[in-house]
Amino acid sequence: MTKEFENNVAAVNKIHVIKLGGSLLDLSGLAARLGRFLQNCSAHQRLLIVGGGGVADLVRQFDTLHHLGKEHGHWLAVRAMHFNTHLVMSMVSRCRLVVDVDSCRAAWSAQEIAVVDPLAWLANLKGTVADVPHQWTFTSDSIAARIAMQVSADQLVLLKSTSPPRGCGLKSAAAIGLVDPDFPVVAAGVPVIEVVNLRGDPKAGYVLK
């Protein structure tokens, strides 16, 4: 067995979790940009997670105005992610909705992109040690990091609308609002975390960790 073959096998077996920020949903040409990015990492097993974006922001506003309560507000925000997920799936070819680690493996075995159904996935975690807290400091970025840990991901890529400043790490990213306040702790066990500005140059990724 050659070293090149071993490296190719290792690359195929690597799991990349890709979090598409909800702020990108109004990006003209998103389907093409996202498609190219996903194609560029096609050597890996890909798991796509879509953020809540403006729909989740609306839930926040309603919570502030009407005091929805943590439990209700949490699941409405997850439904915002769920809604956006189905929008994005219409842009992605050869993808499959997944609800747990086993269904991810089935999608990857079929050479498909696994796309997290956030409503079903998080419902499956309810009451377990992996359950996510119902608070606004734990948003879709932290949910993506929690899921990345569950699937033993080799890398988490955050597709954003902006780039981090030079020298930015997990804590400073949270301090400037690039990620949520809980993210540095939740993502501590993820081996590699990269931010890619999909509105700018998708090839110029920035490694946070």
N, C-alpha and C. Protein backbone atom coordinates (compact mmCIF):
# COMPACT_ATOMS: atom_id res chain seq x y z
N MET A 1 0.86 -1.21 0.00
CA MET A 1 0.00 0.00 0.00
C MET A 1 0.89 1.25 0.00
N THR A 2 0.71 2.12 -0.99
CA THR A 2 1.54 3.31 -1.09
C THR A 2 1.10 4.38 -0.09
N LYS A 3 2.03 5.30 0.20
CA LYS A 3 1.72 6.39 1.11
C LYS A 3 0.62 7.28 0.54
N GLU A 4 0.65 7.50 -0.79
CA GLU A 4 -0.38 8.33 -1.44
C GLU A 4 -1.76 7.71 -1.26
N PHE A 5 -1.85 6.38 -1.43
CA PHE A 5 -3.13 5.69 -1.27
C PHE A 5 -3.61 5.82 0.18
N GLU A 6 -2.70 5.64 1.13
CA GLU A 6 -3.06 5.76 2.55
C GLU A 6 -3.60 7.17 2.85
N ASN A 7 -2.95 8.18 2.27
CA ASN A 7 -3.39 9.56 2.50
C ASN A 7 -4.76 9.81 1.90
N ASN A 8 -5.01 9.22 0.72
CA ASN A 8 -6.33 9.37 0.08
C ASN A 8 -7.42 8.72 0.91
N VAL A 9 -7.15 7.54 1.45
CA VAL A 9 -8.13 6.84 2.29
C VAL A 9 -8.40 7.66 3.54
N ALA A 10 -7.35 8.22 4.15
CA ALA A 10 -7.52 9.02 5.37
C ALA A 10 -8.36 10.25 5.09
N ALA A 11 -8.15 10.88 3.92
CA ALA A 11 -8.90 12.09 3.57
C ALA A 11 -10.38 11.78 3.41
N VAL A 12 -10.70 10.66 2.75
CA VAL A 12 -12.09 10.27 2.53
C VAL A 12 -12.79 10.01 3.85
N ASN A 13 -12.07 9.48 4.81
CA ASN A 13 -12.67 9.11 6.09
C ASN A 13 -12.81 10.30 7.04
N LYS A 14 -12.24 11.43 6.68
CA LYS A 14 -12.35 12.60 7.54
C LYS A 14 -13.76 13.19 7.47
N ILE A 15 -14.24 13.64 8.62
CA ILE A 15 -15.58 14.21 8.71
C ILE A 15 -15.47 15.72 8.86
N HIS A 16 -16.08 16.44 7.93
CA HIS A 16 -16.13 17.90 7.99
C HIS A 16 -17.56 18.34 8.25
N VAL A 17 -17.77 19.03 9.36
CA VAL A 17 -19.07 19.65 9.64
C VAL A 17 -19.01 21.07 9.12
N ILE A 18 -19.99 21.43 8.31
CA ILE A 18 -20.04 22.74 7.67
C ILE A 18 -21.28 23.47 8.13
N LYS A 19 -21.10 24.58 8.81
CA LYS A 19 -22.23 25.37 9.31
C LYS A 19 -22.43 26.58 8.40
N LEU A 20 -23.57 26.62 7.73
CA LEU A 20 -23.92 27.75 6.88
C LEU A 20 -24.67 28.79 7.71
N GLY A 21 -24.07 29.95 7.88
CA GLY A 21 -24.70 31.01 8.66
C GLY A 21 -25.97 31.51 8.01
N GLY A 22 -26.99 31.74 8.82
CA GLY A 22 -28.27 32.21 8.30
C GLY A 22 -28.18 33.57 7.64
N SER A 23 -27.13 34.36 7.99
CA SER A 23 -26.97 35.68 7.38
C SER A 23 -26.66 35.59 5.89
N LEU A 24 -26.27 34.40 5.43
CA LEU A 24 -25.91 34.23 4.02
C LEU A 24 -27.11 33.92 3.12
N LEU A 25 -28.27 33.72 3.71
CA LEU A 25 -29.42 33.29 2.91
C LEU A 25 -29.91 34.35 1.93
N ASP A 26 -29.53 35.61 2.14
CA ASP A 26 -29.92 36.66 1.20
C ASP A 26 -28.82 36.95 0.19
N LEU A 27 -27.79 36.10 0.16
CA LEU A 27 -26.67 36.29 -0.75
C LEU A 27 -27.05 35.88 -2.17
N SER A 28 -26.94 36.80 -3.10
CA SER A 28 -27.21 36.47 -4.50
C SER A 28 -26.19 35.45 -4.99
N GLY A 29 -26.66 34.40 -5.63
CA GLY A 29 -25.75 33.37 -6.10
C GLY A 29 -25.29 32.41 -5.01
N LEU A 30 -26.06 32.35 -3.91
CA LEU A 30 -25.67 31.47 -2.81
C LEU A 30 -25.56 30.02 -3.27
N ALA A 31 -26.51 29.56 -4.07
CA ALA A 31 -26.49 28.16 -4.50
C ALA A 31 -25.18 27.81 -5.19
N ALA A 32 -24.72 28.69 -6.08
CA ALA A 32 -23.47 28.43 -6.80
C ALA A 32 -22.27 28.47 -5.87
N ARG A 33 -22.22 29.45 -4.99
CA ARG A 33 -21.09 29.59 -4.06
C ARG A 33 -21.03 28.41 -3.10
N LEU A 34 -22.18 28.06 -2.54
CA LEU A 34 -22.22 26.94 -1.61
C LEU A 34 -21.88 25.64 -2.34
N GLY A 35 -22.41 25.49 -3.54
CA GLY A 35 -22.13 24.29 -4.32
C GLY A 35 -20.65 24.11 -4.60
N ARG A 36 -19.97 25.21 -4.96
CA ARG A 36 -18.54 25.14 -5.21
C ARG A 36 -17.76 24.79 -3.95
N PHE A 37 -18.18 25.39 -2.83
CA PHE A 37 -17.49 25.10 -1.58
C PHE A 37 -17.64 23.62 -1.20
N LEU A 38 -18.85 23.11 -1.31
CA LEU A 38 -19.10 21.71 -0.96
C LEU A 38 -18.34 20.78 -1.91
N GLN A 39 -18.26 21.16 -3.16
CA GLN A 39 -17.53 20.34 -4.13
C GLN A 39 -16.04 20.31 -3.80
N ASN A 40 -15.51 21.44 -3.34
CA ASN A 40 -14.09 21.52 -3.02
C ASN A 40 -13.70 20.65 -1.83
N CYS A 41 -14.67 20.30 -0.99
CA CYS A 41 -14.36 19.41 0.13
C CYS A 41 -15.04 18.05 -0.04
N SER A 42 -15.25 17.68 -1.32
CA SER A 42 -15.96 16.43 -1.61
C SER A 42 -15.14 15.19 -1.28
N ALA A 43 -13.84 15.36 -0.99
CA ALA A 43 -13.02 14.21 -0.60
C ALA A 43 -13.35 13.76 0.82
N HIS A 44 -14.11 14.58 1.54
CA HIS A 44 -14.42 14.28 2.94
C HIS A 44 -15.90 13.91 3.10
N GLN A 45 -16.21 13.34 4.25
CA GLN A 45 -17.60 13.09 4.61
C GLN A 45 -18.17 14.40 5.14
N ARG A 46 -19.22 14.91 4.49
CA ARG A 46 -19.70 16.26 4.77
C ARG A 46 -21.04 16.23 5.51
N LEU A 47 -21.11 17.07 6.55
CA LEU A 47 -22.35 17.22 7.31
C LEU A 47 -22.67 18.71 7.35
N LEU A 48 -23.78 19.08 6.75
CA LEU A 48 -24.17 20.49 6.63
C LEU A 48 -25.22 20.85 7.68
N ILE A 49 -25.00 21.99 8.33
CA ILE A 49 -25.94 22.52 9.32
C ILE A 49 -26.26 23.96 8.92
N VAL A 50 -27.53 24.33 8.93
CA VAL A 50 -27.96 25.66 8.50
C VAL A 50 -28.46 26.46 9.71
N GLY A 51 -28.00 27.68 9.81
CA GLY A 51 -28.39 28.54 10.92
C GLY A 51 -29.78 29.16 10.75
N GLY A 52 -30.21 29.85 11.80
CA GLY A 52 -31.57 30.41 11.81
C GLY A 52 -31.70 31.76 11.13
N GLY A 53 -30.61 32.55 11.11
CA GLY A 53 -30.62 33.84 10.43
C GLY A 53 -31.72 34.78 10.90
N GLY A 54 -32.31 35.48 9.93
CA GLY A 54 -33.32 36.48 10.25
C GLY A 54 -34.58 35.91 10.88
N VAL A 55 -34.89 34.66 10.56
CA VAL A 55 -36.08 34.04 11.17
C VAL A 55 -35.86 33.85 12.67
N ALA A 56 -34.66 33.41 13.04
CA ALA A 56 -34.34 33.26 14.47
C ALA A 56 -34.28 34.62 15.16
N ASP A 57 -33.81 35.65 14.43
CA ASP A 57 -33.78 37.00 15.01
C ASP A 57 -35.20 37.48 15.31
N LEU A 58 -36.15 37.11 14.47
CA LEU A 58 -37.54 37.47 14.71
C LEU A 58 -38.06 36.80 15.98
N VAL A 59 -37.63 35.55 16.20
CA VAL A 59 -38.02 34.86 17.44
C VAL A 59 -37.44 35.59 18.64
N ARG A 60 -36.20 36.05 18.54
CA ARG A 60 -35.58 36.82 19.63
C ARG A 60 -36.41 38.06 19.94
N GLN A 61 -36.81 38.77 18.88
CA GLN A 61 -37.60 39.99 19.07
C GLN A 61 -38.92 39.68 19.75
N PHE A 62 -39.57 38.60 19.32
CA PHE A 62 -40.83 38.19 19.93
C PHE A 62 -40.63 37.81 21.40
N ASP A 63 -39.50 37.17 21.67
CA ASP A 63 -39.22 36.77 23.05
C ASP A 63 -39.05 38.00 23.94
N THR A 64 -38.33 39.01 23.42
CA THR A 64 -38.13 40.25 24.17
C THR A 64 -39.46 40.96 24.41
N LEU A 65 -40.31 40.94 23.40
CA LEU A 65 -41.58 41.66 23.47
C LEU A 65 -42.64 40.91 24.26
N HIS A 66 -42.71 39.59 24.05
CA HIS A 66 -43.83 38.81 24.59
C HIS A 66 -43.41 37.79 25.66
N HIS A 67 -42.12 37.74 25.98
CA HIS A 67 -41.64 36.84 27.04
C HIS A 67 -42.11 35.39 26.79
N LEU A 68 -41.60 34.82 25.72
CA LEU A 68 -42.03 33.48 25.30
C LEU A 68 -41.65 32.39 26.29
N GLY A 69 -40.57 32.61 27.02
CA GLY A 69 -40.06 31.57 27.91
C GLY A 69 -38.94 30.80 27.22
N LYS A 70 -37.98 30.31 28.01
CA LYS A 70 -36.78 29.68 27.44
C LYS A 70 -37.11 28.45 26.59
N GLU A 71 -37.98 27.60 27.09
CA GLU A 71 -38.31 26.35 26.38
C GLU A 71 -38.98 26.66 25.04
N HIS A 72 -39.99 27.50 25.08
CA HIS A 72 -40.74 27.80 23.86
C HIS A 72 -39.87 28.58 22.87
N GLY A 73 -39.11 29.55 23.39
CA GLY A 73 -38.23 30.33 22.53
C GLY A 73 -37.17 29.48 21.87
N HIS A 74 -36.63 28.52 22.62
CA HIS A 74 -35.61 27.62 22.09
C HIS A 74 -36.14 26.83 20.89
N TRP A 75 -37.30 26.21 21.06
CA TRP A 75 -37.81 25.35 19.99
C TRP A 75 -38.30 26.16 18.80
N LEU A 76 -38.76 27.40 19.02
CA LEU A 76 -39.11 28.25 17.89
C LEU A 76 -37.86 28.61 17.09
N ALA A 77 -36.75 28.88 17.80
CA ALA A 77 -35.49 29.19 17.12
C ALA A 77 -34.99 27.97 16.33
N VAL A 78 -35.16 26.78 16.91
CA VAL A 78 -34.77 25.55 16.20
C VAL A 78 -35.64 25.37 14.97
N ARG A 79 -36.91 25.73 15.08
CA ARG A 79 -37.79 25.64 13.91
C ARG A 79 -37.37 26.64 12.83
N ALA A 80 -36.80 27.76 13.24
CA ALA A 80 -36.25 28.70 12.26
C ALA A 80 -35.12 28.04 11.49
N MET A 81 -34.25 27.32 12.19
CA MET A 81 -33.18 26.57 11.54
C MET A 81 -33.76 25.51 10.61
N HIS A 82 -34.81 24.85 11.07
CA HIS A 82 -35.46 23.79 10.30
C HIS A 82 -36.02 24.35 8.98
N PHE A 83 -36.67 25.48 9.07
CA PHE A 83 -37.23 26.14 7.89
C PHE A 83 -36.13 26.47 6.88
N ASN A 84 -35.05 27.09 7.37
CA ASN A 84 -33.93 27.46 6.50
C ASN A 84 -33.23 26.24 5.90
N THR A 85 -33.19 25.16 6.67
CA THR A 85 -32.57 23.93 6.19
C THR A 85 -33.26 23.44 4.92
N HIS A 86 -34.58 23.45 4.93
CA HIS A 86 -35.32 22.97 3.76
C HIS A 86 -35.16 23.92 2.57
N LEU A 87 -35.00 25.22 2.85
CA LEU A 87 -34.72 26.16 1.77
C LEU A 87 -33.38 25.82 1.11
N VAL A 88 -32.37 25.61 1.94
CA VAL A 88 -31.02 25.36 1.43
C VAL A 88 -30.94 24.01 0.73
N MET A 89 -31.68 23.02 1.21
CA MET A 89 -31.63 21.71 0.57
C MET A 89 -32.06 21.76 -0.88
N SER A 90 -32.89 22.72 -1.22
CA SER A 90 -33.32 22.86 -2.62
C SER A 90 -32.18 23.35 -3.51
N MET A 91 -31.09 23.83 -2.88
CA MET A 91 -29.93 24.32 -3.63
C MET A 91 -28.80 23.30 -3.71
N VAL A 92 -28.89 22.24 -2.94
CA VAL A 92 -27.77 21.30 -2.81
C VAL A 92 -28.13 19.97 -3.47
N SER A 93 -27.28 19.51 -4.36
CA SER A 93 -27.52 18.23 -5.02
C SER A 93 -26.94 17.08 -4.20
N ARG A 94 -27.54 15.92 -4.37
CA ARG A 94 -27.10 14.69 -3.70
C ARG A 94 -26.94 14.90 -2.19
N CYS A 95 -28.03 15.30 -1.56
CA CYS A 95 -28.02 15.49 -0.10
C CYS A 95 -29.15 14.69 0.53
N ARG A 96 -29.01 14.44 1.82
CA ARG A 96 -30.02 13.66 2.55
C ARG A 96 -30.20 14.26 3.94
N LEU A 97 -31.45 14.41 4.36
CA LEU A 97 -31.76 14.90 5.70
C LEU A 97 -31.42 13.82 6.71
N VAL A 98 -30.71 14.21 7.78
CA VAL A 98 -30.28 13.23 8.79
C VAL A 98 -30.71 13.68 10.18
N VAL A 99 -30.94 12.70 11.05
CA VAL A 99 -31.47 12.99 12.39
C VAL A 99 -30.57 12.48 13.50
N ASP A 100 -29.53 11.71 13.16
CA ASP A 100 -28.62 11.19 14.16
C ASP A 100 -27.35 10.68 13.47
N VAL A 101 -26.43 10.16 14.27
CA VAL A 101 -25.14 9.71 13.73
C VAL A 101 -25.33 8.56 12.74
N ASP A 102 -26.22 7.64 13.05
CA ASP A 102 -26.43 6.49 12.16
C ASP A 102 -26.92 6.92 10.78
N SER A 103 -27.84 7.88 10.73
CA SER A 103 -28.34 8.33 9.43
C SER A 103 -27.27 9.12 8.68
N CYS A 104 -26.34 9.73 9.39
CA CYS A 104 -25.19 10.37 8.73
C CYS A 104 -24.37 9.32 8.01
N ARG A 105 -24.08 8.23 8.69
CA ARG A 105 -23.28 7.17 8.09
C ARG A 105 -23.96 6.61 6.85
N ALA A 106 -25.28 6.48 6.90
CA ALA A 106 -26.02 5.97 5.74
C ALA A 106 -25.89 6.92 4.56
N ALA A 107 -25.97 8.23 4.82
CA ALA A 107 -25.83 9.22 3.74
C ALA A 107 -24.42 9.17 3.16
N TRP A 108 -23.43 9.09 4.01
CA TRP A 108 -22.04 9.07 3.53
C TRP A 108 -21.75 7.80 2.74
N SER A 109 -22.33 6.69 3.17
CA SER A 109 -22.14 5.43 2.44
C SER A 109 -22.71 5.52 1.03
N ALA A 110 -23.75 6.35 0.87
CA ALA A 110 -24.37 6.54 -0.44
C ALA A 110 -23.74 7.71 -1.20
N GLN A 111 -22.59 8.21 -0.70
CA GLN A 111 -21.88 9.32 -1.34
C GLN A 111 -22.75 10.58 -1.40
N GLU A 112 -23.52 10.80 -0.33
CA GLU A 112 -24.39 11.97 -0.26
C GLU A 112 -23.90 12.94 0.82
N ILE A 113 -24.33 14.18 0.70
CA ILE A 113 -24.07 15.17 1.74
C ILE A 113 -25.15 15.03 2.80
N ALA A 114 -24.74 14.82 4.03
CA ALA A 114 -25.70 14.74 5.13
C ALA A 114 -26.09 16.15 5.56
N VAL A 115 -27.39 16.40 5.70
CA VAL A 115 -27.88 17.71 6.12
C VAL A 115 -28.70 17.53 7.40
N VAL A 116 -28.30 18.20 8.44
CA VAL A 116 -28.94 18.02 9.75
C VAL A 116 -30.37 18.55 9.75
N ASP A 117 -31.30 17.69 10.16
CA ASP A 117 -32.66 18.11 10.49
C ASP A 117 -32.60 18.57 11.94
N PRO A 118 -32.48 19.88 12.22
CA PRO A 118 -32.22 20.33 13.58
C PRO A 118 -33.34 20.00 14.55
N LEU A 119 -34.58 20.04 14.06
CA LEU A 119 -35.71 19.77 14.94
C LEU A 119 -35.68 18.33 15.44
N ALA A 120 -35.50 17.39 14.54
CA ALA A 120 -35.48 15.97 14.92
C ALA A 120 -34.19 15.62 15.67
N TRP A 121 -33.06 16.16 15.22
CA TRP A 121 -31.77 15.83 15.86
C TRP A 121 -31.77 16.27 17.33
N LEU A 122 -32.18 17.52 17.57
CA LEU A 122 -32.17 18.03 18.94
C LEU A 122 -33.26 17.41 19.79
N ALA A 123 -34.37 17.03 19.17
CA ALA A 123 -35.41 16.31 19.92
C ALA A 123 -34.87 14.97 20.40
N ASN A 124 -34.04 14.32 19.56
CA ASN A 124 -33.43 13.05 19.95
C ASN A 124 -32.46 13.21 21.11
N LEU A 125 -31.90 14.41 21.28
CA LEU A 125 -30.93 14.66 22.36
C LEU A 125 -31.61 15.07 23.66
N LYS A 126 -32.89 15.39 23.59
CA LYS A 126 -33.58 15.90 24.78
C LYS A 126 -33.48 14.92 25.94
N GLY A 127 -33.01 15.43 27.06
CA GLY A 127 -32.88 14.61 28.26
C GLY A 127 -31.60 13.81 28.34
N THR A 128 -30.72 13.92 27.33
CA THR A 128 -29.45 13.20 27.35
C THR A 128 -28.34 14.16 27.78
N VAL A 129 -27.14 13.61 27.98
CA VAL A 129 -26.01 14.45 28.38
C VAL A 129 -25.59 15.41 27.26
N ALA A 130 -25.97 15.10 26.02
CA ALA A 130 -25.63 15.95 24.87
C ALA A 130 -26.69 17.01 24.58
N ASP A 131 -27.75 17.04 25.39
CA ASP A 131 -28.83 18.02 25.17
C ASP A 131 -28.26 19.43 25.24
N VAL A 132 -28.81 20.33 24.45
CA VAL A 132 -28.29 21.70 24.42
C VAL A 132 -29.12 22.58 25.36
N PRO A 133 -28.48 23.56 26.00
CA PRO A 133 -29.23 24.44 26.90
C PRO A 133 -30.16 25.36 26.13
N HIS A 134 -31.25 25.73 26.75
CA HIS A 134 -32.25 26.59 26.12
C HIS A 134 -31.98 28.03 26.53
N GLN A 135 -31.02 28.66 25.84
CA GLN A 135 -30.64 30.03 26.16
C GLN A 135 -30.09 30.70 24.91
N TRP A 136 -30.21 32.02 24.85
CA TRP A 136 -29.83 32.75 23.65
C TRP A 136 -28.32 32.86 23.48
N THR A 137 -27.54 32.51 24.51
CA THR A 137 -26.09 32.51 24.36
C THR A 137 -25.59 31.23 23.70
N PHE A 138 -26.49 30.29 23.46
CA PHE A 138 -26.16 29.00 22.83
C PHE A 138 -26.94 28.93 21.52
N THR A 139 -26.34 29.47 20.46
CA THR A 139 -27.05 29.58 19.19
C THR A 139 -26.63 28.47 18.24
N SER A 140 -26.94 28.66 16.96
CA SER A 140 -26.69 27.59 15.98
C SER A 140 -25.20 27.28 15.81
N ASP A 141 -24.31 28.24 16.08
CA ASP A 141 -22.87 27.95 16.02
C ASP A 141 -22.50 26.92 17.09
N SER A 142 -23.00 27.12 18.31
CA SER A 142 -22.72 26.17 19.38
C SER A 142 -23.42 24.84 19.13
N ILE A 143 -24.60 24.88 18.55
CA ILE A 143 -25.30 23.64 18.19
C ILE A 143 -24.45 22.87 17.18
N ALA A 144 -23.88 23.57 16.21
CA ALA A 144 -23.02 22.93 15.22
C ALA A 144 -21.78 22.31 15.88
N ALA A 145 -21.22 23.03 16.84
CA ALA A 145 -20.05 22.50 17.56
C ALA A 145 -20.42 21.26 18.37
N ARG A 146 -21.59 21.29 19.01
CA ARG A 146 -22.04 20.13 19.79
C ARG A 146 -22.23 18.92 18.88
N ILE A 147 -22.83 19.13 17.71
CA ILE A 147 -23.04 18.04 16.77
C ILE A 147 -21.71 17.56 16.20
N ALA A 148 -20.78 18.48 15.96
CA ALA A 148 -19.44 18.11 15.48
C ALA A 148 -18.76 17.17 16.47
N MET A 149 -18.95 17.42 17.75
CA MET A 149 -18.38 16.53 18.77
C MET A 149 -19.07 15.17 18.73
N GLN A 150 -20.37 15.16 18.52
CA GLN A 150 -21.11 13.90 18.48
C GLN A 150 -20.65 12.98 17.36
N VAL A 151 -20.38 13.57 16.20
CA VAL A 151 -20.00 12.76 15.04
C VAL A 151 -18.49 12.57 14.95
N SER A 152 -17.76 13.05 15.97
CA SER A 152 -16.29 12.96 15.99
C SER A 152 -15.68 13.62 14.76
N ALA A 153 -16.13 14.83 14.47
CA ALA A 153 -15.66 15.55 13.29
C ALA A 153 -14.19 15.91 13.42
N ASP A 154 -13.50 15.88 12.29
CA ASP A 154 -12.11 16.31 12.24
C ASP A 154 -12.01 17.82 12.10
N GLN A 155 -13.05 18.43 11.55
CA GLN A 155 -13.02 19.87 11.33
C GLN A 155 -14.43 20.44 11.32
N LEU A 156 -14.57 21.65 11.87
CA LEU A 156 -15.80 22.41 11.81
C LEU A 156 -15.52 23.68 11.02
N VAL A 157 -16.27 23.89 9.94
CA VAL A 157 -16.11 25.09 9.12
C VAL A 157 -17.35 25.96 9.29
N LEU A 158 -17.12 27.21 9.69
CA LEU A 158 -18.22 28.16 9.85
C LEU A 158 -18.24 29.08 8.64
N LEU A 159 -19.27 28.96 7.81
CA LEU A 159 -19.42 29.84 6.66
C LEU A 159 -20.15 31.10 7.14
N LYS A 160 -19.47 32.23 7.03
CA LYS A 160 -19.97 33.49 7.58
C LYS A 160 -20.08 34.56 6.49
N SER A 161 -20.60 35.73 6.90
CA SER A 161 -20.70 36.87 6.00
C SER A 161 -19.53 37.83 6.18
N THR A 162 -18.62 37.50 7.08
CA THR A 162 -17.49 38.38 7.37
C THR A 162 -16.29 37.53 7.76
N SER A 163 -15.13 38.15 7.77
CA SER A 163 -13.91 37.47 8.18
C SER A 163 -13.49 37.94 9.56
N PRO A 164 -12.86 37.09 10.35
CA PRO A 164 -12.36 37.52 11.66
C PRO A 164 -11.10 38.36 11.51
N PRO A 165 -10.81 39.20 12.49
CA PRO A 165 -9.56 39.97 12.42
C PRO A 165 -8.35 39.06 12.63
N ARG A 166 -7.21 39.52 12.22
CA ARG A 166 -5.98 38.74 12.38
C ARG A 166 -5.72 38.49 13.87
N GLY A 167 -5.28 37.29 14.17
CA GLY A 167 -4.97 36.93 15.55
C GLY A 167 -6.18 36.51 16.36
N CYS A 168 -7.33 36.35 15.71
CA CYS A 168 -8.57 36.02 16.42
C CYS A 168 -8.59 34.55 16.81
N GLY A 169 -8.93 34.28 18.06
CA GLY A 169 -9.11 32.93 18.55
C GLY A 169 -10.55 32.72 18.98
N LEU A 170 -10.82 31.60 19.65
CA LEU A 170 -12.21 31.31 20.02
C LEU A 170 -12.80 32.37 20.95
N LYS A 171 -12.04 32.75 21.98
CA LYS A 171 -12.58 33.71 22.95
C LYS A 171 -12.78 35.09 22.35
N SER A 172 -11.81 35.52 21.54
CA SER A 172 -11.95 36.84 20.92
C SER A 172 -13.05 36.84 19.86
N ALA A 173 -13.26 35.69 19.20
CA ALA A 173 -14.35 35.58 18.23
C ALA A 173 -15.69 35.76 18.93
N ALA A 174 -15.82 35.18 20.13
CA ALA A 174 -17.05 35.34 20.90
C ALA A 174 -17.20 36.78 21.40
N ALA A 175 -16.08 37.39 21.77
CA ALA A 175 -16.12 38.75 22.31
C ALA A 175 -16.60 39.76 21.27
N ILE A 176 -16.28 39.53 19.99
CA ILE A 176 -16.70 40.47 18.94
C ILE A 176 -18.01 40.06 18.28
N GLY A 177 -18.61 38.96 18.77
CA GLY A 177 -19.91 38.54 18.25
C GLY A 177 -19.85 37.72 16.98
N LEU A 178 -18.65 37.27 16.60
CA LEU A 178 -18.54 36.42 15.42
C LEU A 178 -19.19 35.07 15.66
N VAL A 179 -19.07 34.57 16.90
CA VAL A 179 -19.74 33.35 17.36
C VAL A 179 -20.45 33.68 18.67
N ASP A 180 -21.30 32.79 19.15
CA ASP A 180 -22.04 33.08 20.37
C ASP A 180 -21.17 32.92 21.61
N PRO A 181 -21.60 33.46 22.76
CA PRO A 181 -20.78 33.44 23.97
C PRO A 181 -20.41 32.05 24.48
N ASP A 182 -21.25 31.05 24.23
CA ASP A 182 -20.96 29.70 24.73
C ASP A 182 -20.03 28.91 23.82
N PHE A 183 -19.79 29.41 22.62
CA PHE A 183 -19.05 28.65 21.62
C PHE A 183 -17.64 28.24 22.05
N PRO A 184 -16.84 29.12 22.67
CA PRO A 184 -15.48 28.72 23.02
C PRO A 184 -15.41 27.48 23.90
N VAL A 185 -16.34 27.34 24.82
CA VAL A 185 -16.35 26.17 25.70
C VAL A 185 -16.88 24.94 24.96
N VAL A 186 -17.98 25.12 24.24
CA VAL A 186 -18.61 24.00 23.54
C VAL A 186 -17.69 23.43 22.47
N ALA A 187 -16.96 24.31 21.80
CA ALA A 187 -16.13 23.90 20.66
C ALA A 187 -14.71 23.50 21.05
N ALA A 188 -14.41 23.52 22.33
CA ALA A 188 -13.03 23.27 22.78
C ALA A 188 -12.50 21.92 22.33
N GLY A 189 -13.38 20.93 22.19
CA GLY A 189 -12.93 19.59 21.82
C GLY A 189 -12.88 19.32 20.34
N VAL A 190 -13.30 20.29 19.51
CA VAL A 190 -13.25 20.10 18.06
C VAL A 190 -11.81 20.35 17.60
N PRO A 191 -11.20 19.40 16.88
CA PRO A 191 -9.78 19.53 16.54
C PRO A 191 -9.41 20.80 15.76
N VAL A 192 -10.19 21.11 14.71
CA VAL A 192 -9.89 22.27 13.86
C VAL A 192 -11.18 23.04 13.61
N ILE A 193 -11.11 24.36 13.78
CA ILE A 193 -12.26 25.22 13.52
C ILE A 193 -11.82 26.33 12.57
N GLU A 194 -12.52 26.44 11.47
CA GLU A 194 -12.16 27.42 10.44
C GLU A 194 -13.36 28.30 10.12
N VAL A 195 -13.09 29.58 9.88
CA VAL A 195 -14.12 30.52 9.43
C VAL A 195 -13.85 30.88 7.97
N VAL A 196 -14.88 30.80 7.16
CA VAL A 196 -14.78 31.15 5.74
C VAL A 196 -15.81 32.23 5.43
N ASN A 197 -15.35 33.33 4.86
CA ASN A 197 -16.25 34.41 4.45
C ASN A 197 -16.80 34.07 3.07
N LEU A 198 -18.00 33.52 3.03
CA LEU A 198 -18.58 33.09 1.76
C LEU A 198 -19.00 34.27 0.89
N ARG A 199 -19.17 35.44 1.50
CA ARG A 199 -19.48 36.65 0.72
C ARG A 199 -18.22 37.21 0.06
N GLY A 200 -17.07 36.89 0.65
CA GLY A 200 -15.81 37.39 0.13
C GLY A 200 -15.09 36.35 -0.68
N ASP A 201 -13.94 35.90 -0.18
CA ASP A 201 -13.13 34.90 -0.88
C ASP A 201 -13.26 33.57 -0.15
N PRO A 202 -14.05 32.62 -0.67
CA PRO A 202 -14.24 31.33 0.00
C PRO A 202 -12.96 30.52 0.12
N LYS A 203 -11.94 30.86 -0.66
CA LYS A 203 -10.69 30.12 -0.60
C LYS A 203 -9.79 30.60 0.53
N ALA A 204 -10.11 31.77 1.09
CA ALA A 204 -9.27 32.37 2.13
C ALA A 204 -9.86 32.08 3.51
N GLY A 205 -9.79 30.83 3.92
CA GLY A 205 -10.31 30.47 5.24
C GLY A 205 -9.38 30.93 6.34
N TYR A 206 -9.96 31.17 7.53
CA TYR A 206 -9.18 31.60 8.69
C TYR A 206 -9.35 30.57 9.80
N VAL A 207 -8.27 30.02 10.28
CA VAL A 207 -8.32 29.00 11.31
C VAL A 207 -8.39 29.65 12.68
N LEU A 208 -9.50 29.44 13.37
CA LEU A 208 -9.66 29.95 14.75
C LEU A 208 -8.94 29.06 15.75
N LYS A 209 -8.86 27.75 15.40
CA LYS A 209 -8.31 26.77 16.34
C LYS A 209 -7.74 25.60 15.54
